[in-house]
Structures are given as structure tokens and as C-alpha cells.
């Protein structure tokens, strides 16, 4: 599967690099020097953060009683299907699930279940370094708000979008006031 190569070189080498990229099935694209950090940040979102999101899902399945290896293996077909759907339809049309449908009740049930893993807004600690991470429920809410913007772009009814946003943001302000971020 072709990736998006990044080659920094002279004009002559740039032409050669572009030809090589096309030869391996990639589409060359010149990124100006002042935008290379954005290019790299986009690659991090599309790769590293996908891995981080899958790991969050694995941890949720572990909390539901799955073994880690089983959970990871079970999620692979779903992730592959998502990538195939994005390839075919683009990000906006590929979004599915309760946020795309505006199903605020299901979103609320997810948040309640995630709160049972750990207290609402309570940080988690990395086992290797002890560093603090936001709770899984906070991560769900943050990504949910991003997905909600995509759902609205895809045509989600404004009333359903409002209900879903309330489900995603309910009790967040009270939790922050209590100092339990």
C-alpha cells in the first residue's frame, strides 16, 4: 500500500524523487518548508493517534473482561473496515455510529459505562512513568465532539446534534468546578 513519501532535496533530485514516488504508486506533493511541521503533524494524527485510539478501545474491552490480545485481534476487522470506508467515501461520508445518527441516549450510556471504569474526569496514570492521562471518559467526550462536527457536516439534524452535544458535555462543567479534571 503506497504511503505519502516526503523527500527534501534539490530541484533535480526533486524531479527524480517525484518520478520514483509515481513509480511506486504514490502521488508526489511538494510541501513548502514552512508547512512541513503541519505535514508531519497530519501524519501523526493519521498513524500514531490511530494506534493510540485503538489502544484506548483495547483498554475498554479489557475493562469489559477481555484479554488484551483477544481485544486487539477483535478490533482489527473494524479498523480495517473504517480505513476501507474512508478510502471509498472520504471522512465525512465514512462516519457511522451513534454520534453520526444523533443517538444521544446511546452516547449517554457509553459515558456512564466508561465512568464505571474510573471516576468521571479522574486522571489515569501510566504504568511505566506514572505520568497522568485524562480519564477514558474524557477522551471519549473529546473525540465525540470532533466526530459531532463531522456528523453535522454530513447532514446530522441540528436538533439531534444539539441533544448529542448535551450528552457529550453534560456534567463536564460540574466535574471541573470540583477540581476532578
C-alpha atoms as a PDB file:
ATOM      1  CA  UNK A   1       0.000   0.000   0.000  1.00  0.00           C
ATOM      2  CA  UNK A   2       1.550   3.339  -1.027  1.00  0.00           C
ATOM      3  CA  UNK A   3       2.263   5.898   1.641  1.00  0.00           C
ATOM      4  CA  UNK A   4       2.925   9.606   1.349  1.00  0.00           C
ATOM      5  CA  UNK A   5       6.688   9.993   0.945  1.00  0.00           C
ATOM      6  CA  UNK A   6       8.431  13.184   1.930  1.00  0.00           C
ATOM      7  CA  UNK A   7      11.666  13.981   0.153  1.00  0.00           C
ATOM      8  CA  UNK A   8      13.741  17.092   0.787  1.00  0.00           C
ATOM      9  CA  UNK A   9      16.229  17.738  -1.991  1.00  0.00           C
ATOM     10  CA  UNK A  10      17.458  19.948  -4.844  1.00  0.00           C
ATOM     11  CA  UNK A  11      15.297  20.716  -7.888  1.00  0.00           C
ATOM     12  CA  UNK A  12      16.999  17.953  -9.956  1.00  0.00           C
ATOM     13  CA  UNK A  13      16.649  15.417  -7.170  1.00  0.00           C
ATOM     14  CA  UNK A  14      13.124  16.618  -6.558  1.00  0.00           C
ATOM     15  CA  UNK A  15      12.121  15.683 -10.126  1.00  0.00           C
ATOM     16  CA  UNK A  16      13.818  12.321  -9.719  1.00  0.00           C
ATOM     17  CA  UNK A  17      12.112  11.813  -6.340  1.00  0.00           C
ATOM     18  CA  UNK A  18       8.721  12.665  -7.835  1.00  0.00           C
ATOM     19  CA  UNK A  19       9.287  10.133 -10.624  1.00  0.00           C
ATOM     20  CA  UNK A  20      10.322   7.485  -8.106  1.00  0.00           C
ATOM     21  CA  UNK A  21       7.244   8.226  -5.999  1.00  0.00           C
ATOM     22  CA  UNK A  22       4.981   7.777  -9.041  1.00  0.00           C
ATOM     23  CA  UNK A  23       6.817   4.562  -9.955  1.00  0.00           C
ATOM     24  CA  UNK A  24       5.899   3.028  -6.580  1.00  0.00           C
ATOM     25  CA  UNK A  25       2.276   4.172  -6.837  1.00  0.00           C
ATOM     26  CA  UNK A  26       2.483   7.258  -4.635  1.00  0.00           C
ATOM     27  CA  UNK A  27       1.336  10.753  -5.556  1.00  0.00           C
ATOM     28  CA  UNK A  28       4.148  13.276  -5.123  1.00  0.00           C
ATOM     29  CA  UNK A  29       3.252  16.547  -3.468  1.00  0.00           C
ATOM     30  CA  UNK A  30       5.618  19.409  -2.746  1.00  0.00           C
ATOM     31  CA  UNK A  31       5.357  20.666   0.806  1.00  0.00           C
ATOM     32  CA  UNK A  32       6.818  24.140   1.357  1.00  0.00           C
ATOM     33  CA  UNK A  33       9.407  24.261   4.150  1.00  0.00           C
ATOM     34  CA  UNK A  34       7.199  26.497   6.307  1.00  0.00           C
ATOM     35  CA  UNK A  35       4.436  23.823   6.248  1.00  0.00           C
ATOM     36  CA  UNK A  36       6.499  20.687   6.855  1.00  0.00           C
ATOM     37  CA  UNK A  37       5.609  20.637  10.557  1.00  0.00           C
ATOM     38  CA  UNK A  38       1.893  20.631   9.616  1.00  0.00           C
ATOM     39  CA  UNK A  39       2.531  17.816   7.130  1.00  0.00           C
ATOM     40  CA  UNK A  40       4.240  15.804   9.854  1.00  0.00           C
ATOM     41  CA  UNK A  41       1.514  16.604  12.427  1.00  0.00           C
ATOM     42  CA  UNK A  42      -1.099  15.311   9.956  1.00  0.00           C
ATOM     43  CA  UNK A  43       0.882  12.087   9.595  1.00  0.00           C
ATOM     44  CA  UNK A  44       0.948  11.728  13.395  1.00  0.00           C
ATOM     45  CA  UNK A  45      -2.858  12.104  13.526  1.00  0.00           C
ATOM     46  CA  UNK A  46      -3.275   9.531  10.737  1.00  0.00           C
ATOM     47  CA  UNK A  47      -0.893   6.987  12.218  1.00  0.00           C
ATOM     48  CA  UNK A  48       0.266   7.392  15.819  1.00  0.00           C
ATOM     49  CA  UNK A  49      -3.049   8.697  17.105  1.00  0.00           C
ATOM     50  CA  UNK A  50      -4.974   5.933  15.342  1.00  0.00           C
ATOM     51  CA  UNK A  51      -2.803   3.462  17.276  1.00  0.00           C
ATOM     52  CA  UNK A  52      -3.495   5.408  20.489  1.00  0.00           C
ATOM     53  CA  UNK A  53      -7.241   5.329  19.792  1.00  0.00           C
ATOM     54  CA  UNK A  54      -7.158   1.567  19.163  1.00  0.00           C
ATOM     55  CA  UNK A  55      -5.255   1.096  22.422  1.00  0.00           C
ATOM     56  CA  UNK A  56      -7.959   3.056  24.259  1.00  0.00           C
ATOM     57  CA  UNK A  57     -10.553   0.692  22.738  1.00  0.00           C
ATOM     58  CA  UNK A  58      -8.470  -2.312  23.829  1.00  0.00           C
ATOM     59  CA  UNK A  59      -8.394  -0.954  27.389  1.00  0.00           C
ATOM     60  CA  UNK A  60     -12.182  -0.535  27.377  1.00  0.00           C
ATOM     61  CA  UNK A  61     -12.609  -4.139  26.237  1.00  0.00           C
ATOM     62  CA  UNK A  62     -10.167  -5.231  28.966  1.00  0.00           C
ATOM     63  CA  UNK A  63     -12.419  -3.464  31.481  1.00  0.00           C
ATOM     64  CA  UNK A  64     -15.292  -5.497  29.996  1.00  0.00           C
ATOM     65  CA  UNK A  65     -13.404  -8.714  30.784  1.00  0.00           C
ATOM     66  CA  UNK A  66     -11.497  -9.387  27.561  1.00  0.00           C
ATOM     67  CA  UNK A  67      -7.858 -10.404  27.470  1.00  0.00           C
ATOM     68  CA  UNK A  68      -5.661  -7.773  25.793  1.00  0.00           C
ATOM     69  CA  UNK A  69      -4.655  -9.979  22.849  1.00  0.00           C
ATOM     70  CA  UNK A  70      -8.278 -11.001  22.204  1.00  0.00           C
ATOM     71  CA  UNK A  71      -9.424  -7.397  22.332  1.00  0.00           C
ATOM     72  CA  UNK A  72      -6.771  -6.188  19.887  1.00  0.00           C
ATOM     73  CA  UNK A  73      -7.482  -9.050  17.489  1.00  0.00           C
ATOM     74  CA  UNK A  74     -11.243  -8.444  17.642  1.00  0.00           C
ATOM     75  CA  UNK A  75     -10.876  -4.762  16.771  1.00  0.00           C
ATOM     76  CA  UNK A  76      -8.717  -5.254  13.657  1.00  0.00           C
ATOM     77  CA  UNK A  77     -11.608  -6.057  11.236  1.00  0.00           C
ATOM     78  CA  UNK A  78     -13.473  -2.972  12.476  1.00  0.00           C
ATOM     79  CA  UNK A  79     -10.414  -0.742  11.985  1.00  0.00           C
ATOM     80  CA  UNK A  80      -9.746  -2.224   8.532  1.00  0.00           C
ATOM     81  CA  UNK A  81     -13.380  -1.605   7.589  1.00  0.00           C
ATOM     82  CA  UNK A  82     -13.137   2.011   8.729  1.00  0.00           C
ATOM     83  CA  UNK A  83      -9.992   2.581   6.638  1.00  0.00           C
ATOM     84  CA  UNK A  84     -11.636   0.972   3.594  1.00  0.00           C
ATOM     85  CA  UNK A  85     -14.748   3.112   4.105  1.00  0.00           C
ATOM     86  CA  UNK A  86     -12.675   6.312   4.372  1.00  0.00           C
ATOM     87  CA  UNK A  87     -10.821   5.318   1.202  1.00  0.00           C
ATOM     88  CA  UNK A  88     -14.093   4.771  -0.682  1.00  0.00           C
ATOM     89  CA  UNK A  89     -16.227   7.550   0.749  1.00  0.00           C
ATOM     90  CA  UNK A  90     -13.991  10.142   2.443  1.00  0.00           C
ATOM     91  CA  UNK A  91     -14.023  11.064   6.108  1.00  0.00           C
ATOM     92  CA  UNK A  92     -17.362  12.863   6.196  1.00  0.00           C
ATOM     93  CA  UNK A  93     -19.371  10.132   4.467  1.00  0.00           C
ATOM     94  CA  UNK A  94     -17.476   7.323   6.251  1.00  0.00           C
ATOM     95  CA  UNK A  95     -18.585   8.365   9.750  1.00  0.00           C
ATOM     96  CA  UNK A  96     -21.098   5.941  11.262  1.00  0.00           C
ATOM     97  CA  UNK A  97     -22.304   5.133  14.765  1.00  0.00           C
ATOM     98  CA  UNK A  98     -24.328   6.837  17.466  1.00  0.00           C
ATOM     99  CA  UNK A  99     -22.849  10.303  17.022  1.00  0.00           C
ATOM    100  CA  UNK A 100     -23.467  10.247  13.264  1.00  0.00           C
ATOM    101  CA  UNK A 101     -27.064   9.160  13.958  1.00  0.00           C
ATOM    102  CA  UNK A 102     -27.507  11.751  16.706  1.00  0.00           C
ATOM    103  CA  UNK A 103     -28.284   8.975  19.205  1.00  0.00           C
ATOM    104  CA  UNK A 104     -27.743  10.926  22.417  1.00  0.00           C
ATOM    105  CA  UNK A 105     -29.157   8.125  24.596  1.00  0.00           C
ATOM    106  CA  UNK A 106     -26.524   5.640  23.407  1.00  0.00           C
ATOM    107  CA  UNK A 107     -23.783   8.244  23.843  1.00  0.00           C
ATOM    108  CA  UNK A 108     -25.011   8.825  27.403  1.00  0.00           C
ATOM    109  CA  UNK A 109     -24.933   5.072  28.112  1.00  0.00           C
ATOM    110  CA  UNK A 110     -21.369   4.878  26.784  1.00  0.00           C
ATOM    111  CA  UNK A 111     -20.268   7.725  29.057  1.00  0.00           C
ATOM    112  CA  UNK A 112     -21.980   6.137  32.074  1.00  0.00           C
ATOM    113  CA  UNK A 113     -20.268   2.805  31.356  1.00  0.00           C
ATOM    114  CA  UNK A 114     -16.890   4.496  30.917  1.00  0.00           C
ATOM    115  CA  UNK A 115     -17.416   6.288  34.240  1.00  0.00           C
ATOM    116  CA  UNK A 116     -17.690   2.871  35.895  1.00  0.00           C
ATOM    117  CA  UNK A 117     -14.124   2.116  34.713  1.00  0.00           C
ATOM    118  CA  UNK A 118     -12.867   5.118  36.680  1.00  0.00           C
ATOM    119  CA  UNK A 119     -14.426   8.160  38.325  1.00  0.00           C
ATOM    120  CA  UNK A 120     -15.628  10.864  35.949  1.00  0.00           C
ATOM    121  CA  UNK A 121     -12.762  13.097  34.989  1.00  0.00           C
ATOM    122  CA  UNK A 122     -10.290  11.312  37.281  1.00  0.00           C
ATOM    123  CA  UNK A 123      -6.871  11.045  35.654  1.00  0.00           C
ATOM    124  CA  UNK A 124      -5.224   7.734  34.841  1.00  0.00           C
ATOM    125  CA  UNK A 125      -1.552   7.093  35.451  1.00  0.00           C
ATOM    126  CA  UNK A 126       0.810   5.445  33.016  1.00  0.00           C
ATOM    127  CA  UNK A 127       2.220   2.237  34.484  1.00  0.00           C
ATOM    128  CA  UNK A 128       5.708   2.888  33.111  1.00  0.00           C
ATOM    129  CA  UNK A 129       6.248   6.508  34.166  1.00  0.00           C
ATOM    130  CA  UNK A 130       3.371   7.450  36.438  1.00  0.00           C
ATOM    131  CA  UNK A 131       2.502  10.306  34.057  1.00  0.00           C
ATOM    132  CA  UNK A 132      -1.103  11.481  34.227  1.00  0.00           C
ATOM    133  CA  UNK A 133      -3.542  10.878  31.363  1.00  0.00           C
ATOM    134  CA  UNK A 134      -7.129  12.105  31.097  1.00  0.00           C
ATOM    135  CA  UNK A 135      -9.785   9.568  32.005  1.00  0.00           C
ATOM    136  CA  UNK A 136     -11.108   7.340  29.213  1.00  0.00           C
ATOM    137  CA  UNK A 137     -14.459   9.096  29.582  1.00  0.00           C
ATOM    138  CA  UNK A 138     -12.824  12.493  28.930  1.00  0.00           C
ATOM    139  CA  UNK A 139     -11.065  11.096  25.839  1.00  0.00           C
ATOM    140  CA  UNK A 140     -14.433   9.716  24.610  1.00  0.00           C
ATOM    141  CA  UNK A 141     -16.089  13.099  25.094  1.00  0.00           C
ATOM    142  CA  UNK A 142     -13.261  14.984  23.322  1.00  0.00           C
ATOM    143  CA  UNK A 143     -13.227  12.664  20.308  1.00  0.00           C
ATOM    144  CA  UNK A 144     -17.030  12.639  20.350  1.00  0.00           C
ATOM    145  CA  UNK A 145     -17.109  16.404  19.905  1.00  0.00           C
ATOM    146  CA  UNK A 146     -14.760  16.083  16.917  1.00  0.00           C
ATOM    147  CA  UNK A 147     -16.990  13.344  15.452  1.00  0.00           C
ATOM    148  CA  UNK A 148     -20.055  15.522  16.088  1.00  0.00           C
ATOM    149  CA  UNK A 149     -18.603  18.278  13.881  1.00  0.00           C
ATOM    150  CA  UNK A 150     -18.092  15.699  11.121  1.00  0.00           C
ATOM    151  CA  UNK A 151     -21.659  14.408  11.625  1.00  0.00           C
ATOM    152  CA  UNK A 152     -23.039  17.938  11.290  1.00  0.00           C
ATOM    153  CA  UNK A 153     -21.059  18.379   8.068  1.00  0.00           C
ATOM    154  CA  UNK A 154     -22.564  15.080   6.862  1.00  0.00           C
ATOM    155  CA  UNK A 155     -26.069  16.446   7.450  1.00  0.00           C
ATOM    156  CA  UNK A 156     -26.994  15.495  11.014  1.00  0.00           C
ATOM    157  CA  UNK A 157     -30.261  17.166  12.011  1.00  0.00           C
ATOM    158  CA  UNK A 158     -29.495  20.268  14.128  1.00  0.00           C
ATOM    159  CA  UNK A 159     -31.848  19.172  16.928  1.00  0.00           C
ATOM    160  CA  UNK A 160     -30.196  15.737  17.119  1.00  0.00           C
ATOM    161  CA  UNK A 161     -26.784  17.431  17.039  1.00  0.00           C
ATOM    162  CA  UNK A 162     -27.826  19.614  19.981  1.00  0.00           C
ATOM    163  CA  UNK A 163     -29.018  16.626  22.022  1.00  0.00           C
ATOM    164  CA  UNK A 164     -25.807  14.741  21.240  1.00  0.00           C
ATOM    165  CA  UNK A 165     -23.656  17.714  22.193  1.00  0.00           C
ATOM    166  CA  UNK A 166     -25.503  17.980  25.526  1.00  0.00           C
ATOM    167  CA  UNK A 167     -24.874  14.269  26.140  1.00  0.00           C
ATOM    168  CA  UNK A 168     -21.177  14.756  25.380  1.00  0.00           C
ATOM    169  CA  UNK A 169     -20.815  17.842  27.589  1.00  0.00           C
ATOM    170  CA  UNK A 170     -23.267  17.050  30.412  1.00  0.00           C
ATOM    171  CA  UNK A 171     -21.704  17.206  33.885  1.00  0.00           C
ATOM    172  CA  UNK A 172     -18.323  18.290  32.486  1.00  0.00           C
ATOM    173  CA  UNK A 173     -18.511  21.807  33.954  1.00  0.00           C
ATOM    174  CA  UNK A 174     -19.558  20.482  37.377  1.00  0.00           C
ATOM    175  CA  UNK A 175     -16.685  17.981  37.335  1.00  0.00           C
ATOM    176  CA  UNK A 176     -14.187  20.747  36.527  1.00  0.00           C
ATOM    177  CA  UNK A 177     -15.575  23.000  39.280  1.00  0.00           C
ATOM    178  CA  UNK A 178     -14.997  20.218  41.794  1.00  0.00           C
ATOM    179  CA  UNK A 179     -11.377  20.087  40.608  1.00  0.00           C
ATOM    180  CA  UNK A 180     -11.592  16.496  39.374  1.00  0.00           C
ATOM    181  CA  UNK A 181     -10.292  17.004  35.840  1.00  0.00           C
END
